[in-house]
Amino acid sequence: MRKDPNRYWWVSLLLVPGTAFGFWYFQQKMFPASDGGLGAVIGFLMGAFLAALFEDYVDQNPK
């Protein structure tokens, strides 16, 4: 019996908002006059990319 390929469904729920918040926080600390919107957008896109990359890796390398 193979393992469930959807066993890491929660990683995307943590990775995307976590990277968005991290980039937003970084921009807030580096540039206090900005609202951090650009950092949040870049973090969201980076998190979505990393989540897709991780899901592809899990799909391609079952144990």
N, C-alpha and C. Protein backbone atom coordinates (compact mmCIF):
# COMPACT_ATOMS: atom_id res chain seq x y z
N MET A 1 0.84 -1.18 0.00
CA MET A 1 0.00 0.00 0.00
C MET A 1 0.89 1.25 0.00
N ARG A 2 0.59 2.17 -0.91
CA ARG A 2 1.38 3.39 -1.02
C ARG A 2 0.85 4.46 -0.08
N LYS A 3 1.74 5.37 0.26
CA LYS A 3 1.34 6.49 1.12
C LYS A 3 0.45 7.46 0.34
N ASP A 4 -0.33 8.19 1.07
CA ASP A 4 -1.21 9.18 0.46
C ASP A 4 -0.39 10.33 -0.12
N PRO A 5 -0.53 10.65 -1.42
CA PRO A 5 0.25 11.75 -1.99
C PRO A 5 -0.18 13.12 -1.48
N ASN A 6 -1.34 13.20 -0.86
CA ASN A 6 -1.84 14.48 -0.34
C ASN A 6 -1.53 14.66 1.15
N ARG A 7 -0.55 13.93 1.67
CA ARG A 7 -0.28 13.99 3.10
C ARG A 7 0.38 15.29 3.53
N TYR A 8 0.87 16.07 2.58
CA TYR A 8 1.49 17.36 2.91
C TYR A 8 0.63 18.53 2.47
N TRP A 9 -0.68 18.39 2.52
CA TRP A 9 -1.59 19.44 2.07
C TRP A 9 -1.43 20.71 2.90
N TRP A 10 -0.99 20.58 4.13
CA TRP A 10 -0.91 21.72 5.04
C TRP A 10 0.33 22.57 4.80
N VAL A 11 1.31 22.07 4.05
CA VAL A 11 2.55 22.82 3.83
C VAL A 11 2.26 24.12 3.07
N SER A 12 1.39 24.05 2.06
CA SER A 12 1.06 25.25 1.30
C SER A 12 0.36 26.28 2.17
N LEU A 13 -0.46 25.81 3.11
CA LEU A 13 -1.16 26.73 4.00
C LEU A 13 -0.22 27.48 4.93
N LEU A 14 0.92 26.91 5.23
CA LEU A 14 1.91 27.58 6.07
C LEU A 14 2.96 28.33 5.25
N LEU A 15 3.36 27.75 4.14
CA LEU A 15 4.46 28.32 3.36
C LEU A 15 4.09 29.64 2.69
N VAL A 16 2.93 29.70 2.07
CA VAL A 16 2.55 30.91 1.33
C VAL A 16 2.36 32.11 2.26
N PRO A 17 1.50 32.00 3.31
CA PRO A 17 1.38 33.18 4.19
C PRO A 17 2.67 33.46 4.97
N GLY A 18 3.42 32.42 5.29
CA GLY A 18 4.67 32.62 6.03
C GLY A 18 5.69 33.42 5.24
N THR A 19 5.86 33.09 3.96
CA THR A 19 6.80 33.85 3.14
C THR A 19 6.28 35.25 2.84
N ALA A 20 4.96 35.38 2.65
CA ALA A 20 4.39 36.71 2.41
C ALA A 20 4.62 37.61 3.64
N PHE A 21 4.37 37.07 4.82
CA PHE A 21 4.60 37.84 6.04
C PHE A 21 6.09 38.14 6.23
N GLY A 22 6.94 37.17 5.93
CA GLY A 22 8.38 37.37 6.08
C GLY A 22 8.92 38.47 5.18
N PHE A 23 8.50 38.46 3.91
CA PHE A 23 8.95 39.51 3.00
C PHE A 23 8.35 40.86 3.38
N TRP A 24 7.09 40.88 3.82
CA TRP A 24 6.46 42.12 4.28
C TRP A 24 7.24 42.68 5.48
N TYR A 25 7.55 41.82 6.45
CA TYR A 25 8.29 42.24 7.64
C TYR A 25 9.68 42.74 7.28
N PHE A 26 10.34 42.05 6.37
CA PHE A 26 11.67 42.46 5.93
C PHE A 26 11.62 43.86 5.30
N GLN A 27 10.62 44.08 4.43
CA GLN A 27 10.51 45.40 3.80
C GLN A 27 10.17 46.47 4.83
N GLN A 28 9.36 46.15 5.83
CA GLN A 28 9.04 47.11 6.87
C GLN A 28 10.28 47.51 7.66
N LYS A 29 11.13 46.55 7.95
CA LYS A 29 12.34 46.83 8.72
C LYS A 29 13.39 47.56 7.90
N MET A 30 13.52 47.23 6.63
CA MET A 30 14.52 47.86 5.78
C MET A 30 14.10 49.25 5.33
N PHE A 31 12.82 49.42 5.05
CA PHE A 31 12.29 50.69 4.54
C PHE A 31 11.07 51.09 5.37
N PRO A 32 11.27 51.71 6.52
CA PRO A 32 10.16 52.01 7.43
C PRO A 32 9.09 52.93 6.84
N ALA A 33 9.41 53.73 5.85
CA ALA A 33 8.44 54.64 5.27
C ALA A 33 7.46 53.94 4.33
N SER A 34 7.79 52.74 3.87
CA SER A 34 6.91 52.03 2.94
C SER A 34 5.86 51.23 3.69
N ASP A 35 4.80 50.86 2.98
CA ASP A 35 3.73 50.08 3.61
C ASP A 35 3.99 48.58 3.55
N GLY A 36 4.95 48.14 2.78
CA GLY A 36 5.30 46.73 2.72
C GLY A 36 4.50 45.93 1.72
N GLY A 37 3.70 46.59 0.92
CA GLY A 37 2.84 45.89 -0.05
C GLY A 37 3.63 45.11 -1.09
N LEU A 38 4.68 45.71 -1.60
CA LEU A 38 5.48 45.03 -2.61
C LEU A 38 6.15 43.79 -2.03
N GLY A 39 6.64 43.89 -0.81
CA GLY A 39 7.25 42.73 -0.15
C GLY A 39 6.24 41.63 0.07
N ALA A 40 5.01 41.98 0.43
CA ALA A 40 3.97 40.98 0.63
C ALA A 40 3.62 40.27 -0.67
N VAL A 41 3.54 41.03 -1.77
CA VAL A 41 3.23 40.43 -3.07
C VAL A 41 4.36 39.50 -3.51
N ILE A 42 5.59 39.97 -3.38
CA ILE A 42 6.73 39.14 -3.77
C ILE A 42 6.80 37.89 -2.88
N GLY A 43 6.56 38.06 -1.59
CA GLY A 43 6.56 36.91 -0.69
C GLY A 43 5.46 35.92 -1.01
N PHE A 44 4.28 36.41 -1.38
CA PHE A 44 3.18 35.52 -1.77
C PHE A 44 3.55 34.72 -3.01
N LEU A 45 4.11 35.40 -4.01
CA LEU A 45 4.51 34.70 -5.24
C LEU A 45 5.64 33.70 -4.97
N MET A 46 6.59 34.08 -4.13
CA MET A 46 7.69 33.17 -3.79
C MET A 46 7.17 31.96 -3.04
N GLY A 47 6.25 32.18 -2.11
CA GLY A 47 5.66 31.07 -1.36
C GLY A 47 4.87 30.14 -2.25
N ALA A 48 4.11 30.70 -3.18
CA ALA A 48 3.35 29.86 -4.11
C ALA A 48 4.29 29.03 -4.98
N PHE A 49 5.38 29.64 -5.44
CA PHE A 49 6.36 28.92 -6.23
C PHE A 49 7.00 27.79 -5.43
N LEU A 50 7.40 28.09 -4.21
CA LEU A 50 8.03 27.06 -3.38
C LEU A 50 7.06 25.95 -3.02
N ALA A 51 5.79 26.28 -2.79
CA ALA A 51 4.79 25.26 -2.50
C ALA A 51 4.58 24.35 -3.70
N ALA A 52 4.51 24.94 -4.90
CA ALA A 52 4.36 24.13 -6.11
C ALA A 52 5.58 23.25 -6.34
N LEU A 53 6.76 23.80 -6.08
CA LEU A 53 7.99 23.04 -6.23
C LEU A 53 8.03 21.87 -5.25
N PHE A 54 7.62 22.11 -4.01
CA PHE A 54 7.61 21.05 -3.01
C PHE A 54 6.59 19.96 -3.37
N GLU A 55 5.40 20.36 -3.82
CA GLU A 55 4.39 19.37 -4.21
C GLU A 55 4.85 18.54 -5.39
N ASP A 56 5.53 19.17 -6.35
CA ASP A 56 6.07 18.42 -7.48
C ASP A 56 7.14 17.44 -7.02
N TYR A 57 7.98 17.87 -6.10
CA TYR A 57 9.01 16.99 -5.58
C TYR A 57 8.39 15.77 -4.87
N VAL A 58 7.36 16.00 -4.08
CA VAL A 58 6.70 14.90 -3.36
C VAL A 58 6.03 13.95 -4.36
N ASP A 59 5.43 14.51 -5.42
CA ASP A 59 4.79 13.67 -6.43
C ASP A 59 5.81 12.84 -7.21
N GLN A 60 6.97 13.39 -7.47
CA GLN A 60 7.97 12.70 -8.28
C GLN A 60 8.83 11.72 -7.49
N ASN A 61 8.87 11.87 -6.18
CA ASN A 61 9.72 11.03 -5.34
C ASN A 61 8.94 10.34 -4.22
N PRO A 62 8.05 9.42 -4.58
CA PRO A 62 7.31 8.73 -3.52
C PRO A 62 8.23 7.74 -2.80
N LYS A 63 7.97 7.56 -1.52
CA LYS A 63 8.79 6.62 -0.75
C LYS A 63 8.03 5.37 -0.48
